[in-house]
Amino acid sequence: MDAEGRAGTGAGAGKDLRFLAVLLAVAVTAAASVALAVATPEDLFRDAEASFQAGDAAQAGDKLAEFRTRYPSHLLYWKASLMWARCAPDPDEAVRRFTLVAEKAPAGTKAECEMDLASLYMVTDRFIEAEAALGAWLVAHPTDERAEQAAYLRGICLAELGRESEAEMVLMPVFQKGTHPPYRALAGLTLASARFGRGLFTDSRAMYNSLVRAMWAADVRPQALLGAAKCATELRRPTENRALLARLIKEYPDTEEATEAREVMKVPARAKIWVQIGAYSRPDFANAEKAKWEAKGYTAALGVSRHGSLKLNILLLGPYATRAEAEKAARTLKTAGTGAFITRY
């Protein structure tokens, strides 16, 4: 074969090799596409779950929405639907999603949706809706392991709404017979604080002291020690008061309660008498309500009430020189339809 023929043959071979390379690339791409196309529902769910756990709710929500569209009969569908609702970008969308999922969900998922929905109402200060949702949930699931949590949250809602007697009826069984330490302890703190606010210092002291002693209430011991110390002051037990404050400072030096105890021990001051008319989780809302009452001619102030990890901004009117004056003001407010009770702050 002459040189020209050999050159032509070489060129043809080169073209054939390039053609084969292109075919191979196409085949690899097609294989990858097929692999993606046949990715299992479990793979999609795991990807979404990983995004959710990594804090990327938007990406997780998109994947879960795809899962719900593509695999409505899959065993993971309801778990994916619940997670999808939890990925909502804002409270209103979350309410829409939880409501949508709960409509047709099996009992277990429906119960979780309803609990999440009630908690969402609380976070957004929709206490009337939250209380109603939690009450209905407790009727439907009285033996559920989350019943104590639901009862505690309902009690807080009732207290927020000024329905103190109902709140105590709901919270007392949680405190006395609860099996979940966090909610049992928080219920006890709430009850002790309510009794203190009504001037029932002996009862309040007994409840605080029971929380100080209880092994299951270790997480709220700083608050219980401070509460018991304040009761001792009201009952004119100065030695007991200082002993409790000293213990609080020694055992829990880095807490907010210890900081308050240090201030009390430096500058002893008797708590003033106020009428409490509200408690709000959002400071901006509390300030707005304070301004409304000041516009009506009242002297108003904001305080802070802590129940474990829950911090409430309390709205106070006063202070009053005597308890009799405060009780008269409270009666007037109640007659006008405003929930009110006596407290010291």
C-alpha atoms as a PDB file:
ATOM      1  CA  MET A   1       0.000   0.000   0.000  1.00  0.00           C
ATOM      2  CA  ASP A   2       1.395   3.424  -0.919  1.00  0.00           C
ATOM      3  CA  ALA A   3       1.895   6.236   1.550  1.00  0.00           C
ATOM      4  CA  GLU A   4      -1.326   8.008   0.516  1.00  0.00           C
ATOM      5  CA  GLY A   5      -3.369   4.870   1.136  1.00  0.00           C
ATOM      6  CA  ARG A   6      -1.781   4.356   4.471  1.00  0.00           C
ATOM      7  CA  ALA A   7      -2.483   7.979   5.407  1.00  0.00           C
ATOM      8  CA  GLY A   8      -6.120   7.596   4.391  1.00  0.00           C
ATOM      9  CA  THR A   9      -6.424   4.423   6.414  1.00  0.00           C
ATOM     10  CA  GLY A  10      -4.897   6.183   9.438  1.00  0.00           C
ATOM     11  CA  ALA A  11      -7.300   9.099   9.135  1.00  0.00           C
ATOM     12  CA  GLY A  12     -10.251   6.725   8.874  1.00  0.00           C
ATOM     13  CA  ALA A  13      -9.106   4.841  11.916  1.00  0.00           C
ATOM     14  CA  GLY A  14      -8.821   8.106  13.822  1.00  0.00           C
ATOM     15  CA  LYS A  15     -12.364   9.041  12.879  1.00  0.00           C
ATOM     16  CA  ASP A  16     -13.563   5.608  13.961  1.00  0.00           C
ATOM     17  CA  LEU A  17     -11.868   6.017  17.338  1.00  0.00           C
ATOM     18  CA  ARG A  18     -13.392   9.464  17.822  1.00  0.00           C
ATOM     19  CA  PHE A  19     -16.804   8.100  16.862  1.00  0.00           C
ATOM     20  CA  LEU A  20     -16.437   5.272  19.366  1.00  0.00           C
ATOM     21  CA  ALA A  21     -15.422   7.757  22.043  1.00  0.00           C
ATOM     22  CA  VAL A  22     -18.533   9.830  21.373  1.00  0.00           C
ATOM     23  CA  LEU A  23     -20.700   6.725  21.512  1.00  0.00           C
ATOM     24  CA  LEU A  24     -19.118   5.707  24.796  1.00  0.00           C
ATOM     25  CA  ALA A  25     -19.715   9.160  26.300  1.00  0.00           C
ATOM     26  CA  VAL A  26     -23.334   9.074  25.166  1.00  0.00           C
ATOM     27  CA  ALA A  27     -23.725   5.622  26.649  1.00  0.00           C
ATOM     28  CA  VAL A  28     -22.256   6.730  29.975  1.00  0.00           C
ATOM     29  CA  THR A  29     -24.529   9.781  30.065  1.00  0.00           C
ATOM     30  CA  ALA A  30     -27.548   7.662  29.203  1.00  0.00           C
ATOM     31  CA  ALA A  31     -26.625   5.146  31.868  1.00  0.00           C
ATOM     32  CA  ALA A  32     -26.328   7.936  34.429  1.00  0.00           C
ATOM     33  CA  SER A  33     -29.693   9.339  33.354  1.00  0.00           C
ATOM     34  CA  VAL A  34     -31.280   5.921  33.679  1.00  0.00           C
ATOM     35  CA  ALA A  35     -29.698   5.502  37.100  1.00  0.00           C
ATOM     36  CA  LEU A  36     -31.173   8.835  38.197  1.00  0.00           C
ATOM     37  CA  ALA A  37     -34.516   7.983  36.684  1.00  0.00           C
ATOM     38  CA  VAL A  38     -34.729   4.713  38.606  1.00  0.00           C
ATOM     39  CA  ALA A  39     -33.482   6.172  41.938  1.00  0.00           C
ATOM     40  CA  THR A  40     -35.579   4.541  44.640  1.00  0.00           C
ATOM     41  CA  PRO A  41     -38.175   6.355  46.742  1.00  0.00           C
ATOM     42  CA  GLU A  42     -36.030   5.499  49.740  1.00  0.00           C
ATOM     43  CA  ASP A  43     -33.091   7.360  48.186  1.00  0.00           C
ATOM     44  CA  LEU A  44     -35.221  10.447  47.627  1.00  0.00           C
ATOM     45  CA  PHE A  45     -36.544  10.305  51.183  1.00  0.00           C
ATOM     46  CA  ARG A  46     -33.056   9.873  52.639  1.00  0.00           C
ATOM     47  CA  ASP A  47     -31.793  12.856  50.631  1.00  0.00           C
ATOM     48  CA  ALA A  48     -34.675  14.977  51.913  1.00  0.00           C
ATOM     49  CA  GLU A  49     -34.125  13.821  55.480  1.00  0.00           C
ATOM     50  CA  ALA A  50     -30.423  14.651  55.258  1.00  0.00           C
ATOM     51  CA  SER A  51     -31.249  18.167  54.034  1.00  0.00           C
ATOM     52  CA  PHE A  52     -33.776  18.594  56.846  1.00  0.00           C
ATOM     53  CA  GLN A  53     -31.292  17.488  59.510  1.00  0.00           C
ATOM     54  CA  ALA A  54     -28.659  19.804  58.007  1.00  0.00           C
ATOM     55  CA  GLY A  55     -31.043  22.729  58.496  1.00  0.00           C
ATOM     56  CA  ASP A  56     -31.829  23.281  54.807  1.00  0.00           C
ATOM     57  CA  ALA A  57     -35.622  23.298  55.150  1.00  0.00           C
ATOM     58  CA  ALA A  58     -36.201  24.771  51.683  1.00  0.00           C
ATOM     59  CA  GLN A  59     -34.283  22.035  49.873  1.00  0.00           C
ATOM     60  CA  ALA A  60     -35.789  19.349  52.081  1.00  0.00           C
ATOM     61  CA  GLY A  61     -39.279  20.740  51.431  1.00  0.00           C
ATOM     62  CA  ASP A  62     -38.780  20.607  47.664  1.00  0.00           C
ATOM     63  CA  LYS A  63     -37.621  16.978  47.787  1.00  0.00           C
ATOM     64  CA  LEU A  64     -40.437  15.978  50.105  1.00  0.00           C
ATOM     65  CA  ALA A  65     -42.988  17.706  47.863  1.00  0.00           C
ATOM     66  CA  GLU A  66     -41.586  15.659  44.962  1.00  0.00           C
ATOM     67  CA  PHE A  67     -41.855  12.497  47.051  1.00  0.00           C
ATOM     68  CA  ARG A  68     -45.483  13.246  47.885  1.00  0.00           C
ATOM     69  CA  THR A  69     -46.258  13.752  44.189  1.00  0.00           C
ATOM     70  CA  ARG A  70     -44.424  10.679  42.890  1.00  0.00           C
ATOM     71  CA  TYR A  71     -45.056   8.120  45.630  1.00  0.00           C
ATOM     72  CA  PRO A  72     -48.478   8.677  47.237  1.00  0.00           C
ATOM     73  CA  SER A  73     -48.841   4.967  48.045  1.00  0.00           C
ATOM     74  CA  HIS A  74     -45.386   4.414  49.516  1.00  0.00           C
ATOM     75  CA  LEU A  75     -44.936   3.317  53.133  1.00  0.00           C
ATOM     76  CA  LEU A  76     -42.874   6.440  53.810  1.00  0.00           C
ATOM     77  CA  TYR A  77     -45.505   8.794  52.386  1.00  0.00           C
ATOM     78  CA  TRP A  78     -46.968   9.950  55.705  1.00  0.00           C
ATOM     79  CA  LYS A  79     -43.590  10.305  57.361  1.00  0.00           C
ATOM     80  CA  ALA A  80     -42.492  12.388  54.391  1.00  0.00           C
ATOM     81  CA  SER A  81     -45.708  14.427  54.587  1.00  0.00           C
ATOM     82  CA  LEU A  82     -45.186  15.232  58.256  1.00  0.00           C
ATOM     83  CA  MET A  83     -41.615  16.333  57.587  1.00  0.00           C
ATOM     84  CA  TRP A  84     -42.822  18.397  54.623  1.00  0.00           C
ATOM     85  CA  ALA A  85     -45.216  20.265  56.904  1.00  0.00           C
ATOM     86  CA  ARG A  86     -42.357  20.946  59.325  1.00  0.00           C
ATOM     87  CA  CYS A  87     -40.361  22.486  56.466  1.00  0.00           C
ATOM     88  CA  ALA A  88     -42.897  25.280  55.935  1.00  0.00           C
ATOM     89  CA  PRO A  89     -41.223  28.680  55.423  1.00  0.00           C
ATOM     90  CA  ASP A  90     -43.621  30.633  57.670  1.00  0.00           C
ATOM     91  CA  PRO A  91     -46.323  30.033  60.327  1.00  0.00           C
ATOM     92  CA  ASP A  92     -49.293  30.531  58.001  1.00  0.00           C
ATOM     93  CA  GLU A  93     -47.931  28.022  55.499  1.00  0.00           C
ATOM     94  CA  ALA A  94     -47.157  25.631  58.342  1.00  0.00           C
ATOM     95  CA  VAL A  95     -50.775  25.820  59.531  1.00  0.00           C
ATOM     96  CA  ARG A  96     -51.960  25.108  55.981  1.00  0.00           C
ATOM     97  CA  ARG A  97     -49.635  22.124  55.588  1.00  0.00           C
ATOM     98  CA  PHE A  98     -50.343  20.538  58.977  1.00  0.00           C
ATOM     99  CA  THR A  99     -54.080  20.920  58.424  1.00  0.00           C
ATOM    100  CA  LEU A 100     -53.809  19.409  54.937  1.00  0.00           C
ATOM    101  CA  VAL A 101     -51.767  16.428  56.105  1.00  0.00           C
ATOM    102  CA  ALA A 102     -53.964  15.783  59.154  1.00  0.00           C
ATOM    103  CA  GLU A 103     -57.155  15.574  57.061  1.00  0.00           C
ATOM    104  CA  LYS A 104     -56.352  12.142  55.608  1.00  0.00           C
ATOM    105  CA  ALA A 105     -53.431  10.919  57.697  1.00  0.00           C
ATOM    106  CA  PRO A 106     -53.511   7.698  59.742  1.00  0.00           C
ATOM    107  CA  ALA A 107     -54.071   8.066  63.472  1.00  0.00           C
ATOM    108  CA  GLY A 108     -50.404   8.320  64.525  1.00  0.00           C
ATOM    109  CA  THR A 109     -49.473  10.967  61.972  1.00  0.00           C
ATOM    110  CA  LYS A 110     -52.718  12.853  62.573  1.00  0.00           C
ATOM    111  CA  ALA A 111     -51.919  13.038  66.304  1.00  0.00           C
ATOM    112  CA  GLU A 112     -48.433  14.403  65.585  1.00  0.00           C
ATOM    113  CA  CYS A 113     -49.823  16.988  63.165  1.00  0.00           C
ATOM    114  CA  GLU A 114     -52.379  18.176  65.692  1.00  0.00           C
ATOM    115  CA  MET A 115     -49.762  18.451  68.452  1.00  0.00           C
ATOM    116  CA  ASP A 116     -47.410  20.399  66.184  1.00  0.00           C
ATOM    117  CA  LEU A 117     -50.275  22.629  65.104  1.00  0.00           C
ATOM    118  CA  ALA A 118     -51.206  23.414  68.718  1.00  0.00           C
ATOM    119  CA  SER A 119     -47.568  24.214  69.541  1.00  0.00           C
ATOM    120  CA  LEU A 120     -47.436  26.464  66.487  1.00  0.00           C
ATOM    121  CA  TYR A 121     -50.490  28.356  67.727  1.00  0.00           C
ATOM    122  CA  MET A 122     -48.729  28.908  71.056  1.00  0.00           C
ATOM    123  CA  VAL A 123     -45.531  30.189  69.456  1.00  0.00           C
ATOM    124  CA  THR A 124     -47.561  32.750  67.519  1.00  0.00           C
ATOM    125  CA  ASP A 125     -49.550  33.791  70.647  1.00  0.00           C
ATOM    126  CA  ARG A 126     -52.818  32.325  69.349  1.00  0.00           C
ATOM    127  CA  PHE A 127     -53.664  30.980  72.796  1.00  0.00           C
ATOM    128  CA  ILE A 128     -57.416  30.551  72.273  1.00  0.00           C
ATOM    129  CA  GLU A 129     -56.830  28.268  69.293  1.00  0.00           C
ATOM    130  CA  ALA A 130     -53.943  26.509  71.022  1.00  0.00           C
ATOM    131  CA  GLU A 131     -55.995  25.773  74.151  1.00  0.00           C
ATOM    132  CA  ALA A 132     -58.898  24.418  72.110  1.00  0.00           C
ATOM    133  CA  ALA A 133     -56.580  22.252  69.997  1.00  0.00           C
ATOM    134  CA  LEU A 134     -54.772  20.846  73.031  1.00  0.00           C
ATOM    135  CA  GLY A 135     -58.044  20.175  74.841  1.00  0.00           C
ATOM    136  CA  ALA A 136     -59.376  18.245  71.854  1.00  0.00           C
ATOM    137  CA  TRP A 137     -56.074  16.387  71.526  1.00  0.00           C
ATOM    138  CA  LEU A 138     -56.192  15.276  75.174  1.00  0.00           C
ATOM    139  CA  VAL A 139     -59.749  14.006  74.787  1.00  0.00           C
ATOM    140  CA  ALA A 140     -58.724  11.986  71.737  1.00  0.00           C
ATOM    141  CA  HIS A 141     -55.417  10.712  73.176  1.00  0.00           C
ATOM    142  CA  PRO A 142     -55.723  10.498  76.980  1.00  0.00           C
ATOM    143  CA  THR A 143     -53.172   7.682  77.338  1.00  0.00           C
ATOM    144  CA  ASP A 144     -50.664   8.895  74.772  1.00  0.00           C
ATOM    145  CA  GLU A 145     -47.109   9.311  76.070  1.00  0.00           C
ATOM    146  CA  ARG A 146     -47.291  12.988  75.105  1.00  0.00           C
ATOM    147  CA  ALA A 147     -50.408  13.625  77.193  1.00  0.00           C
ATOM    148  CA  GLU A 148     -48.422  15.281  80.011  1.00  0.00           C
ATOM    149  CA  GLN A 149     -46.765  17.624  77.548  1.00  0.00           C
ATOM    150  CA  ALA A 150     -50.152  18.507  76.070  1.00  0.00           C
ATOM    151  CA  ALA A 151     -51.666  19.068  79.514  1.00  0.00           C
ATOM    152  CA  TYR A 152     -48.796  21.321  80.579  1.00  0.00           C
ATOM    153  CA  LEU A 153     -49.044  23.394  77.394  1.00  0.00           C
ATOM    154  CA  ARG A 154     -52.811  23.662  77.792  1.00  0.00           C
ATOM    155  CA  GLY A 155     -52.334  24.871  81.359  1.00  0.00           C
ATOM    156  CA  ILE A 156     -49.975  27.606  80.147  1.00  0.00           C
ATOM    157  CA  CYS A 157     -52.528  28.646  77.513  1.00  0.00           C
ATOM    158  CA  LEU A 158     -55.253  28.877  80.149  1.00  0.00           C
ATOM    159  CA  ALA A 159     -52.995  30.975  82.368  1.00  0.00           C
ATOM    160  CA  GLU A 160     -52.205  33.252  79.407  1.00  0.00           C
ATOM    161  CA  LEU A 161     -55.933  33.694  78.868  1.00  0.00           C
ATOM    162  CA  GLY A 162     -56.496  34.675  82.507  1.00  0.00           C
ATOM    163  CA  ARG A 163     -58.341  31.445  83.339  1.00  0.00           C
ATOM    164  CA  GLU A 164     -56.218  30.693  86.413  1.00  0.00           C
ATOM    165  CA  SER A 165     -58.581  28.256  88.152  1.00  0.00           C
ATOM    166  CA  GLU A 166     -58.864  26.098  85.046  1.00  0.00           C
ATOM    167  CA  ALA A 167     -55.116  26.281  84.553  1.00  0.00           C
ATOM    168  CA  GLU A 168     -54.511  24.931  88.054  1.00  0.00           C
ATOM    169  CA  MET A 169     -57.012  22.096  87.553  1.00  0.00           C
ATOM    170  CA  VAL A 170     -55.113  21.022  84.433  1.00  0.00           C
ATOM    171  CA  LEU A 171     -51.611  21.451  85.858  1.00  0.00           C
ATOM    172  CA  MET A 172     -52.102  19.897  89.318  1.00  0.00           C
ATOM    173  CA  PRO A 173     -52.311  16.249  88.106  1.00  0.00           C
ATOM    174  CA  VAL A 174     -49.175  16.781  86.018  1.00  0.00           C
ATOM    175  CA  PHE A 175     -47.323  18.087  89.080  1.00  0.00           C
ATOM    176  CA  GLN A 176     -48.615  15.474  91.509  1.00  0.00           C
ATOM    177  CA  LYS A 177     -48.565  12.321  89.371  1.00  0.00           C
ATOM    178  CA  GLY A 178     -46.541  13.121  86.280  1.00  0.00           C
ATOM    179  CA  THR A 179     -44.016  10.613  84.949  1.00  0.00           C
ATOM    180  CA  HIS A 180     -42.138  12.998  82.655  1.00  0.00           C
ATOM    181  CA  PRO A 181     -39.795  15.082  84.870  1.00  0.00           C
ATOM    182  CA  PRO A 182     -39.521  18.194  82.659  1.00  0.00           C
ATOM    183  CA  TYR A 183     -43.270  18.792  82.419  1.00  0.00           C
ATOM    184  CA  ARG A 184     -43.909  17.738  86.007  1.00  0.00           C
ATOM    185  CA  ALA A 185     -41.322  20.233  87.236  1.00  0.00           C
ATOM    186  CA  LEU A 186     -42.559  23.050  85.001  1.00  0.00           C
ATOM    187  CA  ALA A 187     -46.145  22.443  86.113  1.00  0.00           C
ATOM    188  CA  GLY A 188     -44.994  22.727  89.733  1.00  0.00           C
ATOM    189  CA  LEU A 189     -43.215  26.015  89.054  1.00  0.00           C
ATOM    190  CA  THR A 190     -46.283  27.444  87.350  1.00  0.00           C
ATOM    191  CA  LEU A 191     -48.555  26.424  90.229  1.00  0.00           C
ATOM    192  CA  ALA A 192     -46.192  27.750  92.893  1.00  0.00           C
ATOM    193  CA  SER A 193     -45.876  31.061  91.042  1.00  0.00           C
ATOM    194  CA  ALA A 194     -49.655  31.369  90.726  1.00  0.00           C
ATOM    195  CA  ARG A 195     -50.140  30.799  94.449  1.00  0.00           C
ATOM    196  CA  PHE A 196     -47.469  33.373  95.230  1.00  0.00           C
ATOM    197  CA  GLY A 197     -49.265  35.850  92.966  1.00  0.00           C
ATOM    198  CA  ARG A 198     -52.492  35.352  94.921  1.00  0.00           C
ATOM    199  CA  GLY A 199     -50.751  35.918  98.237  1.00  0.00           C
ATOM    200  CA  LEU A 200     -50.889  32.241  99.283  1.00  0.00           C
ATOM    201  CA  PHE A 201     -47.304  32.318 100.472  1.00  0.00           C
ATOM    202  CA  THR A 202     -47.466  29.254 102.739  1.00  0.00           C
ATOM    203  CA  ASP A 203     -48.844  27.065  99.951  1.00  0.00           C
ATOM    204  CA  SER A 204     -46.410  28.531  97.445  1.00  0.00           C
ATOM    205  CA  ARG A 205     -43.481  27.939  99.815  1.00  0.00           C
ATOM    206  CA  ALA A 206     -44.487  24.292 100.270  1.00  0.00           C
ATOM    207  CA  MET A 207     -44.607  23.722  96.507  1.00  0.00           C
ATOM    208  CA  TYR A 208     -41.290  25.460  95.877  1.00  0.00           C
ATOM    209  CA  ASN A 209     -39.642  23.464  98.660  1.00  0.00           C
ATOM    210  CA  SER A 210     -40.966  20.203  97.240  1.00  0.00           C
ATOM    211  CA  LEU A 211     -39.322  21.133  93.935  1.00  0.00           C
ATOM    212  CA  VAL A 212     -36.078  21.959  95.746  1.00  0.00           C
ATOM    213  CA  ARG A 213     -36.052  18.485  97.313  1.00  0.00           C
ATOM    214  CA  ALA A 214     -37.296  16.399  94.381  1.00  0.00           C
ATOM    215  CA  MET A 215     -34.630  14.552  92.371  1.00  0.00           C
ATOM    216  CA  TRP A 216     -36.809  14.765  89.247  1.00  0.00           C
ATOM    217  CA  ALA A 217     -36.950  18.565  89.496  1.00  0.00           C
ATOM    218  CA  ALA A 218     -33.184  19.195  89.326  1.00  0.00           C
ATOM    219  CA  ASP A 219     -33.519  21.218  86.114  1.00  0.00           C
ATOM    220  CA  VAL A 220     -35.710  23.839  87.784  1.00  0.00           C
ATOM    221  CA  ARG A 221     -33.955  23.938  91.158  1.00  0.00           C
ATOM    222  CA  PRO A 222     -32.536  27.475  90.718  1.00  0.00           C
ATOM    223  CA  GLN A 223     -36.023  28.861  90.061  1.00  0.00           C
ATOM    224  CA  ALA A 224     -37.453  26.838  92.951  1.00  0.00           C
ATOM    225  CA  LEU A 225     -34.793  28.083  95.385  1.00  0.00           C
ATOM    226  CA  LEU A 226     -35.429  31.690  94.400  1.00  0.00           C
ATOM    227  CA  GLY A 227     -39.195  31.225  94.666  1.00  0.00           C
ATOM    228  CA  ALA A 228     -38.889  29.621  98.105  1.00  0.00           C
ATOM    229  CA  ALA A 229     -36.646  32.488  99.221  1.00  0.00           C
ATOM    230  CA  LYS A 230     -39.216  35.071  98.131  1.00  0.00           C
ATOM    231  CA  CYS A 231     -41.912  33.185 100.038  1.00  0.00           C
ATOM    232  CA  ALA A 232     -39.709  33.181 103.133  1.00  0.00           C
ATOM    233  CA  THR A 233     -39.450  36.976 102.856  1.00  0.00           C
ATOM    234  CA  GLU A 234     -43.226  37.346 102.673  1.00  0.00           C
ATOM    235  CA  LEU A 235     -43.647  35.027 105.677  1.00  0.00           C
ATOM    236  CA  ARG A 236     -41.073  37.045 107.635  1.00  0.00           C
ATOM    237  CA  ARG A 237     -38.478  34.291 107.808  1.00  0.00           C
ATOM    238  CA  PRO A 238     -35.291  36.276 107.142  1.00  0.00           C
ATOM    239  CA  THR A 239     -32.901  33.539 108.233  1.00  0.00           C
ATOM    240  CA  GLU A 240     -34.539  31.035 105.906  1.00  0.00           C
ATOM    241  CA  ASN A 241     -34.549  33.578 103.109  1.00  0.00           C
ATOM    242  CA  ARG A 242     -30.830  34.242 103.340  1.00  0.00           C
ATOM    243  CA  ALA A 243     -29.997  30.548 103.648  1.00  0.00           C
ATOM    244  CA  LEU A 244     -31.910  29.773 100.455  1.00  0.00           C
ATOM    245  CA  LEU A 245     -30.329  32.657  98.566  1.00  0.00           C
ATOM    246  CA  ALA A 246     -26.851  31.647  99.746  1.00  0.00           C
ATOM    247  CA  ARG A 247     -27.441  28.077  98.592  1.00  0.00           C
ATOM    248  CA  LEU A 248     -28.677  29.314  95.225  1.00  0.00           C
ATOM    249  CA  ILE A 249     -25.556  31.441  94.719  1.00  0.00           C
ATOM    250  CA  LYS A 250     -23.230  28.645  95.819  1.00  0.00           C
ATOM    251  CA  GLU A 251     -24.762  25.775  93.841  1.00  0.00           C
ATOM    252  CA  TYR A 252     -25.889  27.635  90.700  1.00  0.00           C
ATOM    253  CA  PRO A 253     -23.558  30.662  90.441  1.00  0.00           C
ATOM    254  CA  ASP A 254     -23.913  31.200  86.686  1.00  0.00           C
ATOM    255  CA  THR A 255     -27.716  31.352  86.516  1.00  0.00           C
ATOM    256  CA  GLU A 256     -29.929  34.422  86.174  1.00  0.00           C
ATOM    257  CA  GLU A 257     -31.555  33.425  89.458  1.00  0.00           C
ATOM    258  CA  ALA A 258     -28.178  33.616  91.234  1.00  0.00           C
ATOM    259  CA  THR A 259     -27.625  37.102  89.793  1.00  0.00           C
ATOM    260  CA  GLU A 260     -30.983  38.185  91.178  1.00  0.00           C
ATOM    261  CA  ALA A 261     -30.160  36.552  94.517  1.00  0.00           C
ATOM    262  CA  ARG A 262     -26.920  38.531  94.770  1.00  0.00           C
ATOM    263  CA  GLU A 263     -28.828  41.765  94.174  1.00  0.00           C
ATOM    264  CA  VAL A 264     -31.455  40.850  96.775  1.00  0.00           C
ATOM    265  CA  MET A 265     -28.817  40.058  99.380  1.00  0.00           C
ATOM    266  CA  LYS A 266     -27.081  43.392  98.763  1.00  0.00           C
ATOM    267  CA  VAL A 267     -30.240  45.501  98.774  1.00  0.00           C
ATOM    268  CA  PRO A 268     -33.073  43.798 100.631  1.00  0.00           C
ATOM    269  CA  ALA A 269     -36.383  45.133  99.379  1.00  0.00           C
ATOM    270  CA  ARG A 270     -39.929  44.021  99.962  1.00  0.00           C
ATOM    271  CA  ALA A 271     -41.825  43.189  96.788  1.00  0.00           C
ATOM    272  CA  LYS A 272     -44.481  45.718  95.803  1.00  0.00           C
ATOM    273  CA  ILE A 273     -48.150  44.893  95.280  1.00  0.00           C
ATOM    274  CA  TRP A 274     -49.399  44.898  91.693  1.00  0.00           C
ATOM    275  CA  VAL A 275     -52.381  43.707  89.691  1.00  0.00           C
ATOM    276  CA  GLN A 276     -51.330  41.400  86.857  1.00  0.00           C
ATOM    277  CA  ILE A 277     -53.560  41.569  83.793  1.00  0.00           C
ATOM    278  CA  GLY A 278     -51.571  39.730  81.123  1.00  0.00           C
ATOM    279  CA  ALA A 279     -48.566  37.596  80.228  1.00  0.00           C
ATOM    280  CA  TYR A 280     -47.063  37.473  76.759  1.00  0.00           C
ATOM    281  CA  SER A 281     -44.261  35.510  75.149  1.00  0.00           C
ATOM    282  CA  ARG A 282     -43.550  38.326  72.666  1.00  0.00           C
ATOM    283  CA  PRO A 283     -41.987  41.496  74.123  1.00  0.00           C
ATOM    284  CA  ASP A 284     -43.317  43.680  71.294  1.00  0.00           C
ATOM    285  CA  PHE A 285     -46.877  42.606  71.995  1.00  0.00           C
ATOM    286  CA  ALA A 286     -46.388  43.172  75.734  1.00  0.00           C
ATOM    287  CA  ASN A 287     -45.099  46.700  75.089  1.00  0.00           C
ATOM    288  CA  ALA A 288     -48.054  47.443  72.818  1.00  0.00           C
ATOM    289  CA  GLU A 289     -50.507  46.319  75.516  1.00  0.00           C
ATOM    290  CA  LYS A 290     -48.654  48.370  78.132  1.00  0.00           C
ATOM    291  CA  ALA A 291     -49.034  51.468  75.935  1.00  0.00           C
ATOM    292  CA  LYS A 292     -52.778  50.830  75.573  1.00  0.00           C
ATOM    293  CA  TRP A 293     -53.297  50.751  79.352  1.00  0.00           C
ATOM    294  CA  GLU A 294     -51.161  53.815  79.872  1.00  0.00           C
ATOM    295  CA  ALA A 295     -53.307  55.623  77.307  1.00  0.00           C
ATOM    296  CA  LYS A 296     -56.313  54.743  79.504  1.00  0.00           C
ATOM    297  CA  GLY A 297     -54.662  56.549  82.433  1.00  0.00           C
ATOM    298  CA  TYR A 298     -53.176  53.578  84.299  1.00  0.00           C
ATOM    299  CA  THR A 299     -49.628  53.309  85.588  1.00  0.00           C
ATOM    300  CA  ALA A 300     -48.330  50.133  83.940  1.00  0.00           C
ATOM    301  CA  ALA A 301     -45.084  48.184  84.089  1.00  0.00           C
ATOM    302  CA  LEU A 302     -43.627  45.038  82.560  1.00  0.00           C
ATOM    303  CA  GLY A 303     -42.003  42.253  84.524  1.00  0.00           C
ATOM    304  CA  VAL A 304     -40.599  38.854  83.662  1.00  0.00           C
ATOM    305  CA  SER A 305     -41.907  35.477  84.807  1.00  0.00           C
ATOM    306  CA  ARG A 306     -39.913  32.343  84.071  1.00  0.00           C
ATOM    307  CA  HIS A 307     -41.239  28.794  84.016  1.00  0.00           C
ATOM    308  CA  GLY A 308     -38.214  26.688  83.194  1.00  0.00           C
ATOM    309  CA  SER A 309     -37.220  27.564  79.648  1.00  0.00           C
ATOM    310  CA  LEU A 310     -40.448  29.518  79.096  1.00  0.00           C
ATOM    311  CA  LYS A 311     -40.052  33.280  79.593  1.00  0.00           C
ATOM    312  CA  LEU A 312     -43.169  35.444  79.778  1.00  0.00           C
ATOM    313  CA  ASN A 313     -43.461  39.240  79.834  1.00  0.00           C
ATOM    314  CA  ILE A 314     -46.068  40.068  82.475  1.00  0.00           C
ATOM    315  CA  LEU A 315     -48.175  43.226  82.340  1.00  0.00           C
ATOM    316  CA  LEU A 316     -48.681  44.888  85.727  1.00  0.00           C
ATOM    317  CA  LEU A 317     -50.826  47.780  86.949  1.00  0.00           C
ATOM    318  CA  GLY A 318     -49.845  49.660  90.104  1.00  0.00           C
ATOM    319  CA  PRO A 319     -48.051  49.419  92.409  1.00  0.00           C
ATOM    320  CA  TYR A 320     -50.600  49.734  95.214  1.00  0.00           C
ATOM    321  CA  ALA A 321     -49.860  50.778  98.765  1.00  0.00           C
ATOM    322  CA  THR A 322     -52.022  48.042 100.312  1.00  0.00           C
ATOM    323  CA  ARG A 323     -53.451  44.715  99.265  1.00  0.00           C
ATOM    324  CA  ALA A 324     -56.973  46.069  99.851  1.00  0.00           C
ATOM    325  CA  GLU A 325     -56.410  48.771  97.235  1.00  0.00           C
ATOM    326  CA  ALA A 326     -55.061  46.207  94.778  1.00  0.00           C
ATOM    327  CA  GLU A 327     -58.046  43.897  95.375  1.00  0.00           C
ATOM    328  CA  LYS A 328     -60.451  46.781  94.735  1.00  0.00           C
ATOM    329  CA  ALA A 329     -58.676  47.564  91.441  1.00  0.00           C
ATOM    330  CA  ALA A 330     -58.738  43.893  90.448  1.00  0.00           C
ATOM    331  CA  ARG A 331     -62.489  43.647  91.098  1.00  0.00           C
ATOM    332  CA  THR A 332     -63.102  46.699  88.922  1.00  0.00           C
ATOM    333  CA  LEU A 333     -61.047  45.216  86.095  1.00  0.00           C
ATOM    334  CA  LYS A 334     -62.806  41.851  86.323  1.00  0.00           C
ATOM    335  CA  THR A 335     -66.203  43.537  86.230  1.00  0.00           C
ATOM    336  CA  ALA A 336     -65.111  45.223  82.997  1.00  0.00           C
ATOM    337  CA  GLY A 337     -64.114  41.860  81.533  1.00  0.00           C
ATOM    338  CA  THR A 338     -60.346  41.939  82.113  1.00  0.00           C
ATOM    339  CA  GLY A 339     -58.676  38.992  83.816  1.00  0.00           C
ATOM    340  CA  ALA A 340     -56.765  40.260  86.853  1.00  0.00           C
ATOM    341  CA  PHE A 341     -55.121  38.939  90.004  1.00  0.00           C
ATOM    342  CA  ILE A 342     -52.902  40.245  92.785  1.00  0.00           C
ATOM    343  CA  THR A 343     -49.174  39.629  92.621  1.00  0.00           C
ATOM    344  CA  ARG A 344     -45.971  40.891  94.218  1.00  0.00           C
ATOM    345  CA  TYR A 345     -43.044  41.918  92.114  1.00  0.00           C
END
